[in-house]
Amino acid sequence: MLGHDPFTPTLLQWLYCRLCEIEATRDSGVLRSQSQLFGAELEIEQISALESDLRTGFLMFCNRTPTLAAEYLRSQLQHRRRDRVAAGVLKFRGAIAQAAPAELAELTAATLIPEQPQHTRYPGCYDIKEPFD
């Protein structure tokens, strides 16, 4: 039914909860916490694969739960290590663009436009690190 059944929103809520659990633990930066996820039954590589699969599943049908989609994108802006996740979201953005276009635009801008450092050596001085910076 391509997500147009009554069960899809419930499934998306479950995917969202598990995905946020993994991402919050990963964002903490504590490797031991990551290895304790799911009762320490999964290896770090398995957790990474599960995270990717959960994100793909959520992003495929998140237009059925626009509130969750917007909440997910807003939460990504708070993560310290959002670049990897944001790149995944931007590659698979079809349904989330329908569900939360303003939040997707904000995440896209935050990902593509790096924050300027608070202090520079002198006015007009910019650190160029990438070809299009």
Protein backbone atom coordinates (compact mmCIF):
# COMPACT_ATOMS: atom_id res chain seq x y z
CA MET A 1 0.00 0.00 0.00
CA LEU A 2 3.12 2.20 -0.16
CA GLY A 3 2.63 3.55 3.34
CA HIS A 4 -1.02 4.53 2.94
CA ASP A 5 -2.27 1.98 5.43
CA PRO A 6 -3.29 2.74 9.04
CA PHE A 7 -0.30 0.82 10.46
CA THR A 8 2.43 2.96 8.84
CA PRO A 9 2.23 5.91 11.30
CA THR A 10 2.60 3.50 14.23
CA LEU A 11 5.57 1.81 12.57
CA LEU A 12 7.15 5.20 11.86
CA GLN A 13 6.84 6.15 15.54
CA TRP A 14 8.73 2.97 16.47
CA LEU A 15 11.43 3.58 13.82
CA TYR A 16 11.81 7.16 15.02
CA CYS A 17 12.24 6.13 18.67
CA ARG A 18 14.88 3.48 17.91
CA LEU A 19 16.71 5.81 15.52
CA CYS A 20 16.80 8.64 18.06
CA GLU A 21 18.06 6.24 20.71
CA ILE A 22 21.00 5.20 18.54
CA GLU A 23 21.78 8.74 17.37
CA ALA A 24 21.68 10.21 20.88
CA THR A 25 24.04 7.53 22.14
CA ARG A 26 26.37 7.98 19.18
CA ASP A 27 26.33 11.77 19.62
CA SER A 28 27.43 11.39 23.24
CA GLY A 29 30.76 10.15 21.90
CA VAL A 30 31.11 7.46 24.55
CA LEU A 31 32.02 4.22 22.80
CA ARG A 32 31.03 2.12 25.80
CA SER A 33 27.50 3.55 25.74
CA GLN A 34 27.21 2.60 22.07
CA SER A 35 28.26 -0.96 22.73
CA GLN A 36 25.62 -1.26 25.50
CA LEU A 37 22.73 -0.44 23.18
CA PHE A 38 20.16 -3.22 22.79
CA GLY A 39 21.52 -5.18 25.72
CA ALA A 40 25.04 -5.36 24.25
CA GLU A 41 23.79 -8.00 21.80
CA LEU A 42 24.99 -6.11 18.70
CA GLU A 43 28.48 -5.12 17.59
CA ILE A 44 29.22 -1.47 16.72
CA GLU A 45 29.15 -2.31 12.99
CA GLN A 46 25.75 -3.96 13.36
CA ILE A 47 24.42 -0.92 15.21
CA SER A 48 25.69 1.34 12.40
CA ALA A 49 23.95 -0.83 9.80
CA LEU A 50 20.76 -0.87 11.89
CA GLU A 51 20.90 2.92 12.25
CA SER A 52 21.19 3.32 8.48
CA ASP A 53 18.30 0.91 7.86
CA LEU A 54 16.10 2.63 10.46
CA ARG A 55 16.84 6.04 8.92
CA THR A 56 16.04 4.78 5.42
CA GLY A 57 12.77 3.23 6.59
CA PHE A 58 11.79 6.39 8.42
CA LEU A 59 12.71 8.69 5.54
CA MET A 60 10.83 6.59 2.97
CA PHE A 61 7.44 7.17 4.59
CA CYS A 62 7.89 10.11 6.97
CA ASN A 63 5.48 12.20 4.90
CA ARG A 64 2.75 10.17 6.68
CA THR A 65 3.86 11.70 10.02
CA PRO A 66 4.88 15.31 9.26
CA THR A 67 5.18 16.21 12.95
CA LEU A 68 7.73 13.45 13.54
CA ALA A 69 9.59 14.38 10.37
CA ALA A 70 9.90 18.01 11.45
CA GLU A 71 10.92 16.96 14.97
CA TYR A 72 13.59 14.65 13.55
CA LEU A 73 15.11 17.41 11.40
CA ARG A 74 15.06 19.89 14.29
CA SER A 75 16.81 17.34 16.50
CA GLN A 76 19.56 16.93 13.89
CA LEU A 77 20.39 20.62 14.24
CA GLN A 78 21.16 20.01 17.92
CA HIS A 79 23.58 17.13 17.34
CA ARG A 80 27.28 17.88 17.56
CA ARG A 81 28.11 15.36 14.85
CA ARG A 82 25.32 15.95 12.41
CA ASP A 83 27.26 16.01 9.13
CA ARG A 84 27.15 12.25 8.48
CA VAL A 85 23.46 11.98 9.33
CA ALA A 86 22.57 15.16 7.46
CA ALA A 87 24.34 13.87 4.35
CA GLY A 88 22.21 10.72 4.55
CA VAL A 89 19.03 12.75 4.94
CA LEU A 90 19.93 14.98 2.00
CA LYS A 91 20.57 11.97 -0.24
CA PHE A 92 17.13 10.54 0.58
CA ARG A 93 15.03 13.68 0.91
CA GLY A 94 11.90 13.03 -1.18
CA ALA A 95 9.31 12.23 1.47
CA ILE A 96 10.85 14.43 4.15
CA ALA A 97 10.76 17.41 1.77
CA GLN A 98 6.99 16.89 1.51
CA ALA A 99 6.58 16.51 5.27
CA ALA A 100 8.84 19.27 6.62
CA PRO A 101 10.18 21.56 3.87
CA ALA A 102 11.18 24.45 6.14
CA GLU A 103 13.09 22.21 8.55
CA LEU A 104 14.80 20.44 5.65
CA ALA A 105 15.88 23.80 4.21
CA GLU A 106 17.28 24.80 7.61
CA LEU A 107 19.21 21.54 7.97
CA THR A 108 20.49 21.84 4.41
CA ALA A 109 21.75 25.36 5.03
CA ALA A 110 23.36 24.38 8.33
CA THR A 111 25.10 21.45 6.62
CA LEU A 112 26.30 23.28 3.52
CA ILE A 113 27.20 26.64 5.05
CA PRO A 114 29.84 26.26 7.76
CA GLU A 115 29.68 28.48 10.79
CA GLN A 116 32.19 31.30 10.76
CA PRO A 117 34.64 31.26 13.65
CA GLN A 118 33.98 33.85 16.33
CA HIS A 119 37.48 35.25 16.10
CA THR A 120 39.69 35.80 13.10
CA ARG A 121 43.29 36.84 12.92
CA TYR A 122 42.39 40.08 11.19
CA PRO A 123 39.33 41.54 9.43
CA GLY A 124 38.67 39.85 6.11
CA CYS A 125 40.69 36.77 7.01
CA TYR A 126 38.90 33.48 6.26
CA ASP A 127 40.14 29.95 6.61
CA ILE A 128 39.53 28.13 3.34
CA LYS A 129 39.50 24.37 3.89
CA GLU A 130 37.46 23.01 0.98
CA PRO A 131 37.23 23.99 -2.71
CA PHE A 132 33.93 25.87 -2.36
CA ASP A 133 34.44 27.48 1.06
